């Protein structure tokens, strides 16, 4: 499965910056859909953020998804790769 990777940085309530990637099928080009996926992830992590925009979240590149990532995307529409301060 070919996926689009959206590089995302969000400042947490404690001032630390979360860095994570939002992975979506390559056909998903609507940035607002990607932002909604990011907001869903932030809610699950109990991180309050007013909204995501192109300031925090930008298309980065395309790549081939590993089977586990492809499975997550097929089941919920997206997957997240946690990079920094996502604990």
PDB file of N, CA and C in Angstrom:
ATOM      1  N   UNK A   1       0.843  -1.174   0.000  1.00  0.00           N
ATOM      2  CA  UNK A   1       0.000   0.000   0.000  1.00  0.00           C
ATOM      3  C   UNK A   1       0.890   1.239   0.000  1.00  0.00           C
ATOM      4  N   UNK A   2       0.599   2.142  -0.897  1.00  0.00           N
ATOM      5  CA  UNK A   2       1.335   3.409  -0.967  1.00  0.00           C
ATOM      6  C   UNK A   2       0.646   4.407  -0.044  1.00  0.00           C
ATOM      7  N   UNK A   3       1.427   5.091   0.811  1.00  0.00           N
ATOM      8  CA  UNK A   3       0.862   6.037   1.776  1.00  0.00           C
ATOM      9  C   UNK A   3       1.526   7.399   1.658  1.00  0.00           C
ATOM     10  N   UNK A   4       0.747   8.399   2.034  1.00  0.00           N
ATOM     11  CA  UNK A   4       1.264   9.764   2.153  1.00  0.00           C
ATOM     12  C   UNK A   4       1.625   9.984   3.615  1.00  0.00           C
ATOM     13  N   UNK A   5       2.779  10.578   3.837  1.00  0.00           N
ATOM     14  CA  UNK A   5       3.265  10.854   5.192  1.00  0.00           C
ATOM     15  C   UNK A   5       3.155  12.349   5.441  1.00  0.00           C
ATOM     16  N   UNK A   6       2.450  12.704   6.525  1.00  0.00           N
ATOM     17  CA  UNK A   6       2.264  14.106   6.927  1.00  0.00           C
ATOM     18  C   UNK A   6       3.036  14.333   8.216  1.00  0.00           C
ATOM     19  N   UNK A   7       4.060  15.159   8.149  1.00  0.00           N
ATOM     20  CA  UNK A   7       4.933  15.473   9.268  1.00  0.00           C
ATOM     21  C   UNK A   7       4.220  16.486  10.170  1.00  0.00           C
ATOM     22  N   UNK A   8       4.093  16.164  11.464  1.00  0.00           N
ATOM     23  CA  UNK A   8       3.260  16.965  12.362  1.00  0.00           C
ATOM     24  C   UNK A   8       4.000  17.308  13.650  1.00  0.00           C
ATOM     25  N   UNK A   9       3.887  18.579  14.045  1.00  0.00           N
ATOM     26  CA  UNK A   9       4.480  19.087  15.290  1.00  0.00           C
ATOM     27  C   UNK A   9       3.404  19.841  16.049  1.00  0.00           C
ATOM     28  N   UNK A  10       3.160  19.449  17.315  1.00  0.00           N
ATOM     29  CA  UNK A  10       2.144  20.099  18.140  1.00  0.00           C
ATOM     30  C   UNK A  10       2.761  20.419  19.498  1.00  0.00           C
ATOM     31  N   UNK A  11       2.571  21.646  19.970  1.00  0.00           N
ATOM     32  CA  UNK A  11       3.051  22.016  21.300  1.00  0.00           C
ATOM     33  C   UNK A  11       2.052  21.523  22.341  1.00  0.00           C
ATOM     34  N   UNK A  12       2.549  20.716  23.272  1.00  0.00           N
ATOM     35  CA  UNK A  12       1.711  20.182  24.347  1.00  0.00           C
ATOM     36  C   UNK A  12       1.477  21.246  25.409  1.00  0.00           C
ATOM     37  N   UNK A  13       0.562  20.946  26.322  1.00  0.00           N
ATOM     38  CA  UNK A  13       0.250  21.868  27.425  1.00  0.00           C
ATOM     39  C   UNK A  13       1.466  22.158  28.295  1.00  0.00           C
ATOM     40  N   UNK A  14       2.396  21.186  28.394  1.00  0.00           N
ATOM     41  CA  UNK A  14       3.581  21.387  29.228  1.00  0.00           C
ATOM     42  C   UNK A  14       4.720  22.075  28.474  1.00  0.00           C
ATOM     43  N   UNK A  15       4.453  22.507  27.231  1.00  0.00           N
ATOM     44  CA  UNK A  15       5.435  23.237  26.448  1.00  0.00           C
ATOM     45  C   UNK A  15       6.316  22.372  25.569  1.00  0.00           C
ATOM     46  N   UNK A  16       6.325  21.045  25.806  1.00  0.00           N
ATOM     47  CA  UNK A  16       7.123  20.169  24.950  1.00  0.00           C
ATOM     48  C   UNK A  16       6.446  20.025  23.591  1.00  0.00           C
ATOM     49  N   UNK A  17       7.235  19.813  22.568  1.00  0.00           N
ATOM     50  CA  UNK A  17       6.701  19.684  21.222  1.00  0.00           C
ATOM     51  C   UNK A  17       6.607  18.204  20.849  1.00  0.00           C
ATOM     52  N   UNK A  18       5.384  17.782  20.528  1.00  0.00           N
ATOM     53  CA  UNK A  18       5.163  16.426  20.033  1.00  0.00           C
ATOM     54  C   UNK A  18       5.487  16.404  18.545  1.00  0.00           C
ATOM     55  N   UNK A  19       6.166  15.371  18.117  1.00  0.00           N
ATOM     56  CA  UNK A  19       6.449  15.171  16.699  1.00  0.00           C
ATOM     57  C   UNK A  19       5.929  13.789  16.344  1.00  0.00           C
ATOM     58  N   UNK A  20       5.017  13.734  15.385  1.00  0.00           N
ATOM     59  CA  UNK A  20       4.495  12.463  14.916  1.00  0.00           C
ATOM     60  C   UNK A  20       4.146  12.582  13.441  1.00  0.00           C
ATOM     61  N   UNK A  21       4.077  11.423  12.784  1.00  0.00           N
ATOM     62  CA  UNK A  21       3.687  11.372  11.388  1.00  0.00           C
ATOM     63  C   UNK A  21       2.298  10.779  11.287  1.00  0.00           C
ATOM     64  N   UNK A  22       1.476  11.377  10.437  1.00  0.00           N
ATOM     65  CA  UNK A  22       0.157  10.844  10.122  1.00  0.00           C
ATOM     66  C   UNK A  22       0.297  10.171   8.756  1.00  0.00           C
ATOM     67  N   UNK A  23      -0.049   8.891   8.694  1.00  0.00           N
ATOM     68  CA  UNK A  23       0.040   8.141   7.445  1.00  0.00           C
ATOM     69  C   UNK A  23      -1.360   7.849   6.938  1.00  0.00           C
ATOM     70  N   UNK A  24      -1.613   8.186   5.687  1.00  0.00           N
ATOM     71  CA  UNK A  24      -2.917   7.975   5.056  1.00  0.00           C
ATOM     72  C   UNK A  24      -2.710   7.355   3.678  1.00  0.00           C
ATOM     73  N   UNK A  25      -3.751   6.711   3.123  1.00  0.00           N
ATOM     74  CA  UNK A  25      -3.610   6.205   1.762  1.00  0.00           C
ATOM     75  C   UNK A  25      -3.223   7.342   0.818  1.00  0.00           C
ATOM     76  N   UNK A  26      -2.426   7.040  -0.189  1.00  0.00           N
ATOM     77  CA  UNK A  26      -1.934   8.095  -1.079  1.00  0.00           C
ATOM     78  C   UNK A  26      -3.063   8.829  -1.798  1.00  0.00           C
ATOM     79  N   UNK A  27      -4.237   8.210  -1.878  1.00  0.00           N
ATOM     80  CA  UNK A  27      -5.371   8.860  -2.538  1.00  0.00           C
ATOM     81  C   UNK A  27      -5.969   9.991  -1.701  1.00  0.00           C
ATOM     82  N   UNK A  28      -5.690  10.001  -0.406  1.00  0.00           N
ATOM     83  CA  UNK A  28      -6.242  11.038   0.476  1.00  0.00           C
ATOM     84  C   UNK A  28      -5.405  12.299   0.290  1.00  0.00           C
ATOM     85  N   UNK A  29      -5.998  13.292  -0.345  1.00  0.00           N
ATOM     86  CA  UNK A  29      -5.277  14.539  -0.613  1.00  0.00           C
ATOM     87  C   UNK A  29      -5.895  15.730   0.111  1.00  0.00           C
ATOM     88  N   UNK A  30      -7.067  15.530   0.731  1.00  0.00           N
ATOM     89  CA  UNK A  30      -7.728  16.620   1.446  1.00  0.00           C
ATOM     90  C   UNK A  30      -7.043  16.830   2.794  1.00  0.00           C
ATOM     91  N   UNK A  31      -6.364  17.975   2.945  1.00  0.00           N
ATOM     92  CA  UNK A  31      -5.614  18.214   4.182  1.00  0.00           C
ATOM     93  C   UNK A  31      -6.518  18.262   5.401  1.00  0.00           C
ATOM     94  N   UNK A  32      -7.757  18.695   5.252  1.00  0.00           N
ATOM     95  CA  UNK A  32      -8.663  18.763   6.406  1.00  0.00           C
ATOM     96  C   UNK A  32      -8.981  17.365   6.941  1.00  0.00           C
ATOM     97  N   UNK A  33      -9.056  16.389   6.058  1.00  0.00           N
ATOM     98  CA  UNK A  33      -9.248  15.005   6.494  1.00  0.00           C
ATOM     99  C   UNK A  33      -8.047  14.548   7.310  1.00  0.00           C
ATOM    100  N   UNK A  34      -6.856  14.856   6.846  1.00  0.00           N
ATOM    101  CA  UNK A  34      -5.634  14.496   7.571  1.00  0.00           C
ATOM    102  C   UNK A  34      -5.603  15.202   8.921  1.00  0.00           C
ATOM    103  N   UNK A  35      -5.989  16.465   8.964  1.00  0.00           N
ATOM    104  CA  UNK A  35      -6.014  17.212  10.226  1.00  0.00           C
ATOM    105  C   UNK A  35      -6.993  16.564  11.210  1.00  0.00           C
ATOM    106  N   UNK A  36      -8.142  16.101  10.727  1.00  0.00           N
ATOM    107  CA  UNK A  36      -9.109  15.427  11.606  1.00  0.00           C
ATOM    108  C   UNK A  36      -8.518  14.147  12.191  1.00  0.00           C
ATOM    109  N   UNK A  37      -7.774  13.407  11.390  1.00  0.00           N
ATOM    110  CA  UNK A  37      -7.101  12.212  11.902  1.00  0.00           C
ATOM    111  C   UNK A  37      -6.108  12.596  12.996  1.00  0.00           C
ATOM    112  N   UNK A  38      -5.378  13.665  12.786  1.00  0.00           N
ATOM    113  CA  UNK A  38      -4.437  14.143  13.794  1.00  0.00           C
ATOM    114  C   UNK A  38      -5.131  14.560  15.071  1.00  0.00           C
ATOM    115  N   UNK A  39      -6.260  15.238  14.946  1.00  0.00           N
ATOM    116  CA  UNK A  39      -7.017  15.651  16.131  1.00  0.00           C
ATOM    117  C   UNK A  39      -7.552  14.435  16.886  1.00  0.00           C
ATOM    118  N   UNK A  40      -7.996  13.412  16.160  1.00  0.00           N
ATOM    119  CA  UNK A  40      -8.457  12.177  16.792  1.00  0.00           C
ATOM    120  C   UNK A  40      -7.328  11.555  17.607  1.00  0.00           C
ATOM    121  N   UNK A  41      -6.147  11.500  17.043  1.00  0.00           N
ATOM    122  CA  UNK A  41      -4.983  10.967  17.751  1.00  0.00           C
ATOM    123  C   UNK A  41      -4.683  11.792  19.003  1.00  0.00           C
ATOM    124  N   UNK A  42      -4.691  13.117  18.873  1.00  0.00           N
ATOM    125  CA  UNK A  42      -4.400  13.982  20.028  1.00  0.00           C
ATOM    126  C   UNK A  42      -5.431  13.792  21.135  1.00  0.00           C
ATOM    127  N   UNK A  43      -6.685  13.615  20.788  1.00  0.00           N
ATOM    128  CA  UNK A  43      -7.725  13.358  21.801  1.00  0.00           C
ATOM    129  C   UNK A  43      -7.435  12.061  22.536  1.00  0.00           C
ATOM    130  N   UNK A  44      -7.042  11.031  21.785  1.00  0.00           N
ATOM    131  CA  UNK A  44      -6.723   9.741  22.419  1.00  0.00           C
ATOM    132  C   UNK A  44      -5.522   9.848  23.344  1.00  0.00           C
ATOM    133  N   UNK A  45      -4.621  10.784  23.065  1.00  0.00           N
ATOM    134  CA  UNK A  45      -3.443  11.005  23.905  1.00  0.00           C
ATOM    135  C   UNK A  45      -3.722  12.031  25.007  1.00  0.00           C
ATOM    136  N   UNK A  46      -4.947  12.534  25.083  1.00  0.00           N
ATOM    137  CA  UNK A  46      -5.342  13.558  26.064  1.00  0.00           C
ATOM    138  C   UNK A  46      -4.512  14.824  25.941  1.00  0.00           C
ATOM    139  N   UNK A  47      -4.224  15.209  24.719  1.00  0.00           N
ATOM    140  CA  UNK A  47      -3.506  16.449  24.445  1.00  0.00           C
ATOM    141  C   UNK A  47      -4.504  17.416  23.842  1.00  0.00           C
ATOM    142  N   UNK A  48      -4.681  18.545  24.493  1.00  0.00           N
ATOM    143  CA  UNK A  48      -5.629  19.522  23.955  1.00  0.00           C
ATOM    144  C   UNK A  48      -4.906  20.407  22.943  1.00  0.00           C
ATOM    145  N   UNK A  49      -5.515  20.518  21.794  1.00  0.00           N
ATOM    146  CA  UNK A  49      -4.996  21.381  20.743  1.00  0.00           C
ATOM    147  C   UNK A  49      -6.197  22.006  20.059  1.00  0.00           C
ATOM    148  N   UNK A  50      -6.131  23.303  19.857  1.00  0.00           N
ATOM    149  CA  UNK A  50      -7.269  23.993  19.287  1.00  0.00           C
ATOM    150  C   UNK A  50      -7.620  23.466  17.904  1.00  0.00           C
ATOM    151  N   UNK A  51      -6.634  23.265  17.050  1.00  0.00           N
ATOM    152  CA  UNK A  51      -6.830  22.659  15.753  1.00  0.00           C
ATOM    153  C   UNK A  51      -5.477  22.454  15.087  1.00  0.00           C
ATOM    154  N   UNK A  52      -5.490  21.651  14.056  1.00  0.00           N
ATOM    155  CA  UNK A  52      -4.291  21.466  13.251  1.00  0.00           C
ATOM    156  C   UNK A  52      -4.456  22.269  11.970  1.00  0.00           C
ATOM    157  N   UNK A  53      -3.349  22.777  11.481  1.00  0.00           N
ATOM    158  CA  UNK A  53      -3.358  23.512  10.216  1.00  0.00           C
ATOM    159  C   UNK A  53      -2.049  23.218   9.500  1.00  0.00           C
ATOM    160  N   UNK A  54      -1.842  23.865   8.375  1.00  0.00           N
ATOM    161  CA  UNK A  54      -0.600  23.666   7.639  1.00  0.00           C
ATOM    162  C   UNK A  54       0.604  24.179   8.416  1.00  0.00           C
ATOM    163  N   UNK A  55       0.372  24.955   9.458  1.00  0.00           N
ATOM    164  CA  UNK A  55       1.475  25.414  10.306  1.00  0.00           C
ATOM    165  C   UNK A  55       2.062  24.244  11.098  1.00  0.00           C
ATOM    166  N   UNK A  56       1.214  23.335  11.567  1.00  0.00           N
ATOM    167  CA  UNK A  56       1.654  22.213  12.391  1.00  0.00           C
ATOM    168  C   UNK A  56       1.814  20.904  11.605  1.00  0.00           C
ATOM    169  N   UNK A  57       1.118  20.777  10.496  1.00  0.00           N
ATOM    170  CA  UNK A  57       1.030  19.499   9.799  1.00  0.00           C
ATOM    171  C   UNK A  57       1.180  19.716   8.297  1.00  0.00           C
ATOM    172  N   UNK A  58       2.210  19.097   7.722  1.00  0.00           N
ATOM    173  CA  UNK A  58       2.474  19.285   6.283  1.00  0.00           C
ATOM    174  C   UNK A  58       2.766  17.957   5.614  1.00  0.00           C
ATOM    175  N   UNK A  59       2.319  17.868   4.350  1.00  0.00           N
ATOM    176  CA  UNK A  59       2.670  16.703   3.546  1.00  0.00           C
ATOM    177  C   UNK A  59       4.190  16.640   3.437  1.00  0.00           C
ATOM    178  N   UNK A  60       4.744  15.447   3.617  1.00  0.00           N
ATOM    179  CA  UNK A  60       6.193  15.282   3.587  1.00  0.00           C
ATOM    180  C   UNK A  60       6.634  14.461   2.382  1.00  0.00           C
ATOM    181  N   UNK A  61       6.115  13.221   2.257  1.00  0.00           N
ATOM    182  CA  UNK A  61       6.523  12.355   1.160  1.00  0.00           C
ATOM    183  C   UNK A  61       5.581  11.161   1.047  1.00  0.00           C
ATOM    184  N   UNK A  62       5.809  10.357   0.023  1.00  0.00           N
ATOM    185  CA  UNK A  62       5.085   9.098  -0.183  1.00  0.00           C
ATOM    186  C   UNK A  62       6.050   7.950   0.092  1.00  0.00           C
ATOM    187  N   UNK A  63       5.500   6.844   0.586  1.00  0.00           N
ATOM    188  CA  UNK A  63       6.317   5.648   0.787  1.00  0.00           C
ATOM    189  C   UNK A  63       5.429   4.420   0.765  1.00  0.00           C
ATOM    190  N   UNK A  64       6.064   3.266   0.717  1.00  0.00           N
ATOM    191  CA  UNK A  64       5.342   2.002   0.770  1.00  0.00           C
ATOM    192  C   UNK A  64       5.174   1.614   2.239  1.00  0.00           C
ATOM    193  N   UNK A  65       3.938   1.294   2.638  1.00  0.00           N
ATOM    194  CA  UNK A  65       3.653   0.977   4.041  1.00  0.00           C
ATOM    195  C   UNK A  65       4.047  -0.462   4.373  1.00  0.00           C
ATOM    196  N   UNK A  66       4.536  -0.637   5.577  1.00  0.00           N
ATOM    197  CA  UNK A  66       4.771  -1.980   6.107  1.00  0.00           C
ATOM    198  C   UNK A  66       3.418  -2.652   6.331  1.00  0.00           C
ATOM    199  N   UNK A  67       3.351  -3.986   6.351  1.00  0.00           N
ATOM    200  CA  UNK A  67       2.068  -4.680   6.513  1.00  0.00           C
ATOM    201  C   UNK A  67       1.271  -4.250   7.746  1.00  0.00           C
ATOM    202  N   UNK A  68       1.916  -4.070   8.891  1.00  0.00           N
ATOM    203  CA  UNK A  68       1.191  -3.670  10.111  1.00  0.00           C
ATOM    204  C   UNK A  68       0.569  -2.284   9.956  1.00  0.00           C
ATOM    205  N   UNK A  69       1.281  -1.379   9.321  1.00  0.00           N
ATOM    206  CA  UNK A  69       0.760  -0.026   9.096  1.00  0.00           C
ATOM    207  C   UNK A  69      -0.390  -0.080   8.103  1.00  0.00           C
ATOM    208  N   UNK A  70      -0.228  -0.857   7.043  1.00  0.00           N
ATOM    209  CA  UNK A  70      -1.301  -0.999   6.051  1.00  0.00           C
ATOM    210  C   UNK A  70      -2.559  -1.538   6.704  1.00  0.00           C
ATOM    211  N   UNK A  71      -2.413  -2.493   7.619  1.00  0.00           N
ATOM    212  CA  UNK A  71      -3.567  -3.054   8.326  1.00  0.00           C
ATOM    213  C   UNK A  71      -4.290  -1.976   9.144  1.00  0.00           C
ATOM    214  N   UNK A  72      -3.537  -1.166   9.885  1.00  0.00           N
ATOM    215  CA  UNK A  72      -4.136  -0.076  10.667  1.00  0.00           C
ATOM    216  C   UNK A  72      -4.879   0.906   9.767  1.00  0.00           C
ATOM    217  N   UNK A  73      -4.274   1.265   8.658  1.00  0.00           N
ATOM    218  CA  UNK A  73      -4.897   2.216   7.735  1.00  0.00           C
ATOM    219  C   UNK A  73      -6.168   1.621   7.141  1.00  0.00           C
ATOM    220  N   UNK A  74      -6.130   0.347   6.802  1.00  0.00           N
ATOM    221  CA  UNK A  74      -7.324  -0.301   6.261  1.00  0.00           C
ATOM    222  C   UNK A  74      -8.441  -0.371   7.291  1.00  0.00           C
ATOM    223  N   UNK A  75      -8.098  -0.488   8.570  1.00  0.00           N
ATOM    224  CA  UNK A  75      -9.134  -0.621   9.594  1.00  0.00           C
ATOM    225  C   UNK A  75      -9.691   0.717  10.067  1.00  0.00           C
ATOM    226  N   UNK A  76      -8.863   1.769  10.169  1.00  0.00           N
ATOM    227  CA  UNK A  76      -9.388   3.042  10.681  1.00  0.00           C
ATOM    228  C   UNK A  76      -9.138   4.246   9.784  1.00  0.00           C
ATOM    229  N   UNK A  77      -8.482   4.051   8.647  1.00  0.00           N
ATOM    230  CA  UNK A  77      -8.289   5.139   7.696  1.00  0.00           C
ATOM    231  C   UNK A  77      -6.945   5.825   7.768  1.00  0.00           C
ATOM    232  N   UNK A  78      -6.230   5.630   8.874  1.00  0.00           N
ATOM    233  CA  UNK A  78      -4.925   6.276   9.045  1.00  0.00           C
ATOM    234  C   UNK A  78      -4.106   5.515  10.079  1.00  0.00           C
ATOM    235  N   UNK A  79      -2.842   5.879  10.189  1.00  0.00           N
ATOM    236  CA  UNK A  79      -1.984   5.370  11.245  1.00  0.00           C
ATOM    237  C   UNK A  79      -1.062   6.492  11.681  1.00  0.00           C
ATOM    238  N   UNK A  80      -0.525   6.360  12.870  1.00  0.00           N
ATOM    239  CA  UNK A  80       0.381   7.361  13.452  1.00  0.00           C
ATOM    240  C   UNK A  80       1.709   6.698  13.760  1.00  0.00           C
ATOM    241  N   UNK A  81       2.782   7.391  13.412  1.00  0.00           N
ATOM    242  CA  UNK A  81       4.117   6.983  13.857  1.00  0.00           C
ATOM    243  C   UNK A  81       4.586   8.048  14.832  1.00  0.00           C
ATOM    244  N   UNK A  82       4.756   7.649  16.090  1.00  0.00           N
ATOM    245  CA  UNK A  82       5.193   8.577  17.127  1.00  0.00           C
ATOM    246  C   UNK A  82       6.708   8.764  17.032  1.00  0.00           C
ATOM    247  N   UNK A  83       7.142  10.031  16.997  1.00  0.00           N
ATOM    248  CA  UNK A  83       8.551  10.329  16.845  1.00  0.00           C
ATOM    249  C   UNK A  83       9.154  10.888  18.135  1.00  0.00           C
ATOM    250  N   UNK A  84       8.602  11.992  18.669  1.00  0.00           N
ATOM    251  CA  UNK A  84       9.175  12.634  19.855  1.00  0.00           C
ATOM    252  C   UNK A  84       8.052  13.127  20.777  1.00  0.00           C
ATOM    253  N   UNK A  85       8.273  12.992  22.076  1.00  0.00           N
ATOM    254  CA  UNK A  85       7.405  13.547  23.121  1.00  0.00           C
ATOM    255  C   UNK A  85       5.936  13.164  22.968  1.00  0.00           C
ATOM    256  N   UNK A  86       5.690  11.927  22.569  1.00  0.00           N
ATOM    257  CA  UNK A  86       4.317  11.455  22.391  1.00  0.00           C
ATOM    258  C   UNK A  86       3.849  10.578  23.548  1.00  0.00           C
ATOM    259  N   UNK A  87       4.660  10.530  24.604  1.00  0.00           N
ATOM    260  CA  UNK A  87       4.317   9.694  25.758  1.00  0.00           C
ATOM    261  C   UNK A  87       3.315  10.350  26.665  1.00  0.00           C
TER     262      UNK A  87
END
